[in-house]
Amino acid sequence: MYHIFSNRNGVLYFRYRVPVAVKKYFPRLQSSYNRSLGTAYRQEAKVFAVLLYADIHTRLENAMKLVNEFREKIRIMEEFAPHSL
């Protein structure tokens, strides 16, 4: 999930914590993602935050699909040739 917070000047920021399950496969990925929403108005910030969340969530979901496909291919390869890997 995400969090909206403000700096001392009242500008709102978006924060997304990367799930541990994702960090396991992508250790070089930052543990959190922060970005200015460029506004001090909470209603406007919520719209931007939802769009950012959707984009990040889609990208991470696609990356995890690739990881799972790769793991499945390795499993199949090990099943047919267990000692060659």
N, C-alpha and C. Protein backbone atom coordinates (compact mmCIF):
# COMPACT_ATOMS: atom_id res chain seq x y z
N MET A 1 0.84 -1.18 0.00
CA MET A 1 0.00 0.00 0.00
C MET A 1 0.88 1.24 0.00
N TYR A 2 0.29 2.38 -0.08
CA TYR A 2 1.04 3.62 -0.13
C TYR A 2 0.63 4.54 1.01
N HIS A 3 1.42 5.59 1.17
CA HIS A 3 1.17 6.54 2.23
C HIS A 3 1.41 7.94 1.67
N ILE A 4 0.58 8.89 2.05
CA ILE A 4 0.76 10.28 1.65
C ILE A 4 1.19 11.07 2.88
N PHE A 5 2.27 11.82 2.75
CA PHE A 5 2.75 12.64 3.86
C PHE A 5 3.19 13.99 3.33
N SER A 6 3.37 14.95 4.22
CA SER A 6 3.77 16.29 3.78
C SER A 6 5.13 16.67 4.35
N ASN A 7 5.82 17.54 3.63
CA ASN A 7 7.07 18.07 4.15
C ASN A 7 6.76 19.32 4.97
N ARG A 8 7.78 19.98 5.47
CA ARG A 8 7.54 21.14 6.36
C ARG A 8 6.92 22.33 5.62
N ASN A 9 6.98 22.32 4.28
CA ASN A 9 6.38 23.40 3.50
C ASN A 9 4.94 23.09 3.08
N GLY A 10 4.47 21.91 3.45
CA GLY A 10 3.09 21.54 3.15
C GLY A 10 2.90 20.79 1.84
N VAL A 11 4.00 20.57 1.11
CA VAL A 11 3.90 19.82 -0.15
C VAL A 11 3.72 18.35 0.20
N LEU A 12 2.78 17.71 -0.47
CA LEU A 12 2.47 16.31 -0.19
C LEU A 12 3.36 15.38 -1.01
N TYR A 13 3.73 14.27 -0.37
CA TYR A 13 4.60 13.27 -0.98
C TYR A 13 3.92 11.91 -0.94
N PHE A 14 4.33 11.08 -1.87
CA PHE A 14 3.85 9.71 -1.98
C PHE A 14 4.96 8.79 -1.50
N ARG A 15 4.63 7.79 -0.69
CA ARG A 15 5.60 6.79 -0.26
C ARG A 15 5.00 5.41 -0.48
N TYR A 16 5.79 4.54 -1.10
CA TYR A 16 5.39 3.16 -1.32
C TYR A 16 6.46 2.25 -0.75
N ARG A 17 6.09 1.35 0.12
CA ARG A 17 7.02 0.38 0.68
C ARG A 17 6.99 -0.87 -0.19
N VAL A 18 8.17 -1.27 -0.68
CA VAL A 18 8.26 -2.45 -1.53
C VAL A 18 8.08 -3.69 -0.65
N PRO A 19 7.18 -4.60 -1.02
CA PRO A 19 6.95 -5.80 -0.23
C PRO A 19 8.22 -6.66 -0.09
N VAL A 20 8.33 -7.32 1.04
CA VAL A 20 9.49 -8.18 1.33
C VAL A 20 9.61 -9.28 0.28
N ALA A 21 8.50 -9.83 -0.16
CA ALA A 21 8.53 -10.90 -1.16
C ALA A 21 9.18 -10.43 -2.46
N VAL A 22 8.98 -9.18 -2.81
CA VAL A 22 9.59 -8.62 -4.01
C VAL A 22 11.07 -8.36 -3.76
N LYS A 23 11.39 -7.82 -2.60
CA LYS A 23 12.80 -7.54 -2.25
C LYS A 23 13.64 -8.81 -2.26
N LYS A 24 13.02 -9.93 -1.96
CA LYS A 24 13.73 -11.21 -1.94
C LYS A 24 14.34 -11.51 -3.31
N TYR A 25 13.61 -11.21 -4.37
CA TYR A 25 14.07 -11.49 -5.72
C TYR A 25 14.79 -10.32 -6.37
N PHE A 26 14.60 -9.12 -5.84
CA PHE A 26 15.25 -7.93 -6.37
C PHE A 26 15.92 -7.16 -5.22
N PRO A 27 17.01 -7.70 -4.68
CA PRO A 27 17.63 -7.10 -3.50
C PRO A 27 18.21 -5.70 -3.72
N ARG A 28 18.51 -5.34 -4.95
CA ARG A 28 19.07 -4.02 -5.22
C ARG A 28 17.99 -2.94 -5.31
N LEU A 29 16.75 -3.36 -5.31
CA LEU A 29 15.62 -2.44 -5.36
C LEU A 29 15.52 -1.70 -4.03
N GLN A 30 15.23 -0.42 -4.08
CA GLN A 30 15.06 0.35 -2.85
C GLN A 30 13.90 -0.21 -2.04
N SER A 31 13.99 -0.10 -0.72
CA SER A 31 12.91 -0.64 0.12
C SER A 31 11.68 0.26 0.12
N SER A 32 11.86 1.53 -0.20
CA SER A 32 10.70 2.42 -0.32
C SER A 32 10.93 3.38 -1.48
N TYR A 33 9.83 3.87 -2.01
CA TYR A 33 9.85 4.78 -3.14
C TYR A 33 9.10 6.03 -2.72
N ASN A 34 9.77 7.18 -2.75
CA ASN A 34 9.16 8.46 -2.38
C ASN A 34 9.16 9.39 -3.58
N ARG A 35 8.06 10.13 -3.72
CA ARG A 35 7.98 11.08 -4.82
C ARG A 35 7.07 12.24 -4.43
N SER A 36 7.48 13.44 -4.81
CA SER A 36 6.65 14.61 -4.58
C SER A 36 5.42 14.53 -5.47
N LEU A 37 4.28 14.88 -4.90
CA LEU A 37 3.04 14.91 -5.67
C LEU A 37 2.79 16.30 -6.25
N GLY A 38 3.67 17.25 -5.90
CA GLY A 38 3.63 18.58 -6.50
C GLY A 38 2.44 19.42 -6.11
N THR A 39 1.80 19.10 -5.00
CA THR A 39 0.64 19.86 -4.57
C THR A 39 0.52 19.81 -3.05
N ALA A 40 -0.19 20.78 -2.50
CA ALA A 40 -0.47 20.79 -1.08
C ALA A 40 -1.93 20.42 -0.81
N TYR A 41 -2.67 20.15 -1.87
CA TYR A 41 -4.08 19.81 -1.75
C TYR A 41 -4.26 18.29 -1.69
N ARG A 42 -4.83 17.83 -0.59
CA ARG A 42 -4.92 16.40 -0.34
C ARG A 42 -5.78 15.68 -1.39
N GLN A 43 -6.88 16.25 -1.82
CA GLN A 43 -7.74 15.59 -2.81
C GLN A 43 -7.00 15.40 -4.14
N GLU A 44 -6.27 16.42 -4.55
CA GLU A 44 -5.47 16.34 -5.77
C GLU A 44 -4.35 15.31 -5.61
N ALA A 45 -3.74 15.31 -4.43
CA ALA A 45 -2.65 14.38 -4.15
C ALA A 45 -3.14 12.94 -4.19
N LYS A 46 -4.35 12.69 -3.71
CA LYS A 46 -4.89 11.32 -3.72
C LYS A 46 -5.02 10.78 -5.13
N VAL A 47 -5.44 11.64 -6.06
CA VAL A 47 -5.57 11.22 -7.45
C VAL A 47 -4.21 10.83 -8.01
N PHE A 48 -3.20 11.68 -7.79
CA PHE A 48 -1.84 11.39 -8.26
C PHE A 48 -1.30 10.13 -7.59
N ALA A 49 -1.56 9.98 -6.31
CA ALA A 49 -1.05 8.83 -5.56
C ALA A 49 -1.65 7.53 -6.08
N VAL A 50 -2.92 7.52 -6.39
CA VAL A 50 -3.56 6.32 -6.92
C VAL A 50 -2.95 5.94 -8.28
N LEU A 51 -2.69 6.93 -9.11
CA LEU A 51 -2.06 6.67 -10.41
C LEU A 51 -0.64 6.12 -10.24
N LEU A 52 0.13 6.71 -9.33
CA LEU A 52 1.48 6.21 -9.06
C LEU A 52 1.44 4.79 -8.51
N TYR A 53 0.54 4.55 -7.58
CA TYR A 53 0.42 3.22 -6.99
C TYR A 53 0.09 2.18 -8.07
N ALA A 54 -0.85 2.52 -8.93
CA ALA A 54 -1.25 1.59 -10.00
C ALA A 54 -0.07 1.28 -10.91
N ASP A 55 0.71 2.30 -11.25
CA ASP A 55 1.87 2.10 -12.11
C ASP A 55 2.92 1.21 -11.44
N ILE A 56 3.26 1.52 -10.20
CA ILE A 56 4.26 0.73 -9.48
C ILE A 56 3.78 -0.70 -9.28
N HIS A 57 2.54 -0.84 -8.87
CA HIS A 57 1.98 -2.18 -8.62
C HIS A 57 2.01 -3.03 -9.90
N THR A 58 1.64 -2.45 -11.02
CA THR A 58 1.66 -3.16 -12.30
C THR A 58 3.07 -3.58 -12.67
N ARG A 59 4.04 -2.69 -12.50
CA ARG A 59 5.42 -3.02 -12.83
C ARG A 59 5.96 -4.14 -11.94
N LEU A 60 5.69 -4.07 -10.65
CA LEU A 60 6.16 -5.11 -9.75
C LEU A 60 5.46 -6.44 -10.02
N GLU A 61 4.19 -6.38 -10.32
CA GLU A 61 3.43 -7.59 -10.64
C GLU A 61 4.00 -8.26 -11.89
N ASN A 62 4.32 -7.48 -12.90
CA ASN A 62 4.91 -8.03 -14.13
C ASN A 62 6.29 -8.62 -13.85
N ALA A 63 7.08 -7.96 -13.03
CA ALA A 63 8.40 -8.47 -12.68
C ALA A 63 8.28 -9.80 -11.95
N MET A 64 7.33 -9.90 -11.03
CA MET A 64 7.15 -11.15 -10.29
C MET A 64 6.64 -12.27 -11.20
N LYS A 65 5.84 -11.94 -12.21
CA LYS A 65 5.40 -12.95 -13.18
C LYS A 65 6.61 -13.51 -13.92
N LEU A 66 7.53 -12.63 -14.30
CA LEU A 66 8.75 -13.09 -14.98
C LEU A 66 9.58 -14.00 -14.08
N VAL A 67 9.68 -13.62 -12.81
CA VAL A 67 10.43 -14.44 -11.85
C VAL A 67 9.79 -15.82 -11.74
N ASN A 68 8.48 -15.86 -11.61
CA ASN A 68 7.78 -17.14 -11.47
C ASN A 68 7.90 -17.99 -12.73
N GLU A 69 7.84 -17.36 -13.91
CA GLU A 69 8.03 -18.10 -15.16
C GLU A 69 9.44 -18.68 -15.23
N PHE A 70 10.43 -17.90 -14.83
CA PHE A 70 11.81 -18.35 -14.83
C PHE A 70 12.00 -19.52 -13.87
N ARG A 71 11.42 -19.40 -12.68
CA ARG A 71 11.53 -20.47 -11.69
C ARG A 71 10.88 -21.75 -12.20
N GLU A 72 9.75 -21.62 -12.90
CA GLU A 72 9.07 -22.79 -13.45
C GLU A 72 9.92 -23.45 -14.53
N LYS A 73 10.55 -22.65 -15.37
CA LYS A 73 11.42 -23.21 -16.42
C LYS A 73 12.61 -23.95 -15.80
N ILE A 74 13.18 -23.40 -14.76
CA ILE A 74 14.29 -24.07 -14.07
C ILE A 74 13.81 -25.38 -13.47
N ARG A 75 12.63 -25.38 -12.87
CA ARG A 75 12.09 -26.60 -12.28
C ARG A 75 11.91 -27.68 -13.34
N ILE A 76 11.39 -27.29 -14.50
CA ILE A 76 11.19 -28.25 -15.59
C ILE A 76 12.54 -28.77 -16.08
N MET A 77 13.50 -27.90 -16.23
CA MET A 77 14.83 -28.32 -16.67
C MET A 77 15.45 -29.29 -15.68
N GLU A 78 15.31 -29.01 -14.40
CA GLU A 78 15.87 -29.90 -13.37
C GLU A 78 15.16 -31.25 -13.36
N GLU A 79 13.90 -31.24 -13.70
CA GLU A 79 13.12 -32.48 -13.74
C GLU A 79 13.64 -33.42 -14.84
N PHE A 80 14.01 -32.85 -15.99
CA PHE A 80 14.48 -33.67 -17.10
C PHE A 80 15.98 -33.94 -17.08
N ALA A 81 16.73 -33.05 -16.50
CA ALA A 81 18.19 -33.24 -16.44
C ALA A 81 18.69 -32.76 -15.08
N PRO A 82 18.43 -33.50 -14.01
CA PRO A 82 18.73 -33.03 -12.66
C PRO A 82 20.21 -32.78 -12.37
N HIS A 83 21.10 -33.46 -13.06
CA HIS A 83 22.52 -33.31 -12.72
C HIS A 83 23.27 -32.37 -13.65
N SER A 84 22.63 -31.87 -14.68
CA SER A 84 23.34 -31.02 -15.63
C SER A 84 23.36 -29.56 -15.21
N LEU A 85 22.53 -29.15 -14.26
CA LEU A 85 22.50 -27.76 -13.83
C LEU A 85 23.41 -27.49 -12.69
